[in-house]
């Protein structure tokens, strides 16, 4: 299949995530490399929606430390401890964290001062947390429950593909 990124700006979110899920299934088919899949998904999501930062943090010390993985956008934090910031909180809780205003999130880590809202979805494979998907936006309240559900679906596709 000839892969291509798609622009889903302005499309209703439910339809956009359906289209993105379909494309994600197609491009990850037969891929068994976590890093390659993360890089591909970062590009797909980033180009589809044009977020400030779209990418992954990988678990490098179980229960303790995340390290930046493949991403698109501005520079990210290189390492984040479990329980710190939005990514570390999602990793520690093993649940998605949706933050409409990062200034109001206790302990937010400002990897990029332009970030105003954030969504982080944990990635659990065979019962083990392997990383998180992180989306940052320069707009307040950019992410909502449809984004959370859509990204959780994308993460399931990622886990199923590997």
Protein backbone atom coordinates (compact mmCIF):
# COMPACT_ATOMS: atom_id res chain seq x y z
CA UNK A 1 0.00 0.00 0.00
CA UNK A 2 1.23 3.49 -0.77
CA UNK A 3 1.18 5.32 2.55
CA UNK A 4 0.18 8.94 2.68
CA UNK A 5 -0.71 11.32 5.43
CA UNK A 6 -4.17 12.81 5.50
CA UNK A 7 -5.43 16.19 6.64
CA UNK A 8 -8.59 15.82 8.76
CA UNK A 9 -8.85 19.47 9.90
CA UNK A 10 -12.43 20.64 9.97
CA UNK A 11 -13.95 17.18 9.64
CA UNK A 12 -16.36 16.12 12.43
CA UNK A 13 -14.23 14.36 15.06
CA UNK A 14 -16.09 11.06 14.99
CA UNK A 15 -15.60 10.80 11.22
CA UNK A 16 -12.00 12.00 11.46
CA UNK A 17 -11.08 9.33 14.01
CA UNK A 18 -12.85 6.63 11.95
CA UNK A 19 -10.79 7.64 8.93
CA UNK A 20 -7.61 7.79 10.97
CA UNK A 21 -8.31 4.37 12.53
CA UNK A 22 -8.82 2.89 9.07
CA UNK A 23 -5.56 4.34 7.81
CA UNK A 24 -3.71 3.25 10.95
CA UNK A 25 -4.91 -0.35 10.50
CA UNK A 26 -3.73 -0.28 6.89
CA UNK A 27 -0.25 1.14 7.47
CA UNK A 28 0.53 -0.95 10.55
CA UNK A 29 -0.49 -4.23 8.91
CA UNK A 30 2.43 -6.64 9.14
CA UNK A 31 4.58 -4.30 11.25
CA UNK A 32 6.07 -5.85 14.38
CA UNK A 33 8.43 -3.06 15.41
CA UNK A 34 7.19 -0.79 18.22
CA UNK A 35 9.44 2.14 17.25
CA UNK A 36 8.50 2.04 13.57
CA UNK A 37 4.81 1.88 14.50
CA UNK A 38 5.19 4.80 16.93
CA UNK A 39 6.95 6.90 14.31
CA UNK A 40 4.28 6.15 11.73
CA UNK A 41 1.41 6.87 14.11
CA UNK A 42 3.02 10.14 15.22
CA UNK A 43 3.16 11.29 11.61
CA UNK A 44 -0.41 10.18 10.87
CA UNK A 45 -1.96 11.88 13.90
CA UNK A 46 0.17 15.02 13.67
CA UNK A 47 -0.58 15.61 10.01
CA UNK A 48 -4.25 14.73 10.40
CA UNK A 49 -4.88 17.34 13.10
CA UNK A 50 -1.86 19.68 13.17
CA UNK A 51 -1.18 19.50 16.91
CA UNK A 52 1.75 21.33 18.50
CA UNK A 53 3.32 18.02 19.57
CA UNK A 54 2.29 14.46 18.79
CA UNK A 55 4.29 11.50 19.95
CA UNK A 56 5.25 8.82 22.37
CA UNK A 57 7.12 8.43 25.61
CA UNK A 58 8.47 4.91 26.16
CA UNK A 59 8.88 3.15 29.48
CA UNK A 60 12.61 2.67 30.07
CA UNK A 61 12.43 1.91 33.80
CA UNK A 62 9.15 0.11 34.64
CA UNK A 63 7.20 2.04 37.23
CA UNK A 64 9.76 4.84 37.26
CA UNK A 65 10.83 6.54 34.02
CA UNK A 66 9.54 7.49 30.57
CA UNK A 67 11.89 8.57 27.75
CA UNK A 68 10.90 10.44 24.63
CA UNK A 69 10.19 8.23 21.64
CA UNK A 70 9.18 8.99 18.07
CA UNK A 71 7.30 12.27 17.73
CA UNK A 72 6.37 15.16 15.46
CA UNK A 73 6.53 18.81 16.49
CA UNK A 74 8.71 20.96 18.71
CA UNK A 75 11.25 19.57 21.15
CA UNK A 76 9.84 17.42 23.92
CA UNK A 77 11.13 16.60 27.38
CA UNK A 78 13.75 13.89 27.16
CA UNK A 79 12.69 12.07 30.32
CA UNK A 80 9.65 12.17 32.59
CA UNK A 81 9.33 10.38 35.93
CA UNK A 82 6.18 8.41 36.69
CA UNK A 83 3.75 10.59 38.64
CA UNK A 84 5.24 13.84 37.26
CA UNK A 85 3.39 16.03 34.77
CA UNK A 86 0.55 14.81 32.59
CA UNK A 87 2.53 11.98 30.94
CA UNK A 88 3.93 10.68 34.21
CA UNK A 89 0.50 10.85 35.82
CA UNK A 90 -1.12 8.88 32.97
CA UNK A 91 1.69 6.32 33.18
CA UNK A 92 1.37 5.92 36.93
CA UNK A 93 -2.43 5.67 36.86
CA UNK A 94 -2.51 3.64 33.63
CA UNK A 95 -5.46 5.73 32.50
CA UNK A 96 -5.96 8.52 30.00
CA UNK A 97 -5.55 12.07 31.27
CA UNK A 98 -7.33 14.92 29.48
CA UNK A 99 -6.20 18.41 30.47
CA UNK A 100 -8.17 21.39 29.07
CA UNK A 101 -5.74 23.93 30.57
CA UNK A 102 -2.23 22.77 31.48
CA UNK A 103 -1.75 25.80 33.74
CA UNK A 104 -4.45 24.36 36.00
CA UNK A 105 -2.82 20.88 36.18
CA UNK A 106 -0.79 20.51 39.40
CA UNK A 107 2.82 19.68 38.58
CA UNK A 108 2.50 20.24 34.82
CA UNK A 109 5.89 20.00 33.10
CA UNK A 110 6.28 22.73 30.48
CA UNK A 111 8.34 20.96 27.82
CA UNK A 112 7.12 23.67 25.41
CA UNK A 113 5.72 26.91 26.82
CA UNK A 114 3.32 27.14 23.84
CA UNK A 115 1.39 24.08 25.06
CA UNK A 116 -1.99 25.02 26.53
CA UNK A 117 -3.93 21.71 26.56
CA UNK A 118 -2.89 18.07 26.55
CA UNK A 119 -4.17 14.53 26.16
CA UNK A 120 -2.17 11.48 27.23
CA UNK A 121 -3.20 7.85 26.65
CA UNK A 122 -1.29 4.93 28.25
CA UNK A 123 -0.21 1.98 26.12
CA UNK A 124 -0.57 -1.40 27.83
CA UNK A 125 0.62 -4.50 25.98
CA UNK A 126 0.21 -7.96 27.54
CA UNK A 127 -0.56 -6.35 30.90
CA UNK A 128 2.63 -4.25 30.83
CA UNK A 129 2.77 -0.48 30.38
CA UNK A 130 5.13 0.16 27.46
CA UNK A 131 4.56 3.88 26.98
CA UNK A 132 2.11 6.72 26.47
CA UNK A 133 0.74 8.60 23.49
CA UNK A 134 0.96 12.35 24.13
CA UNK A 135 -0.82 15.15 22.25
CA UNK A 136 -0.21 18.84 22.98
CA UNK A 137 -2.04 21.85 21.56
CA UNK A 138 -1.39 25.60 21.69
CA UNK A 139 -5.18 26.08 22.15
CA UNK A 140 -7.03 25.90 25.44
CA UNK A 141 -9.60 23.09 25.65
CA UNK A 142 -8.49 21.65 22.30
CA UNK A 143 -9.11 18.04 23.36
CA UNK A 144 -12.38 16.52 24.51
CA UNK A 145 -13.91 13.13 25.24
CA UNK A 146 -14.18 12.34 21.51
CA UNK A 147 -10.41 12.87 21.20
CA UNK A 148 -9.81 10.69 24.25
CA UNK A 149 -11.97 7.88 22.85
CA UNK A 150 -10.46 8.26 19.38
CA UNK A 151 -6.90 8.12 20.68
CA UNK A 152 -7.69 5.17 22.92
CA UNK A 153 -8.93 3.37 19.80
CA UNK A 154 -5.72 4.27 17.95
CA UNK A 155 -3.67 2.92 20.85
CA UNK A 156 -5.67 -0.35 20.76
CA UNK A 157 -4.90 -0.64 17.04
CA UNK A 158 -1.22 -0.08 17.81
CA UNK A 159 -1.19 -2.80 20.48
CA UNK A 160 -3.14 -5.26 18.29
CA UNK A 161 -0.76 -4.70 15.36
CA UNK A 162 2.33 -5.68 17.33
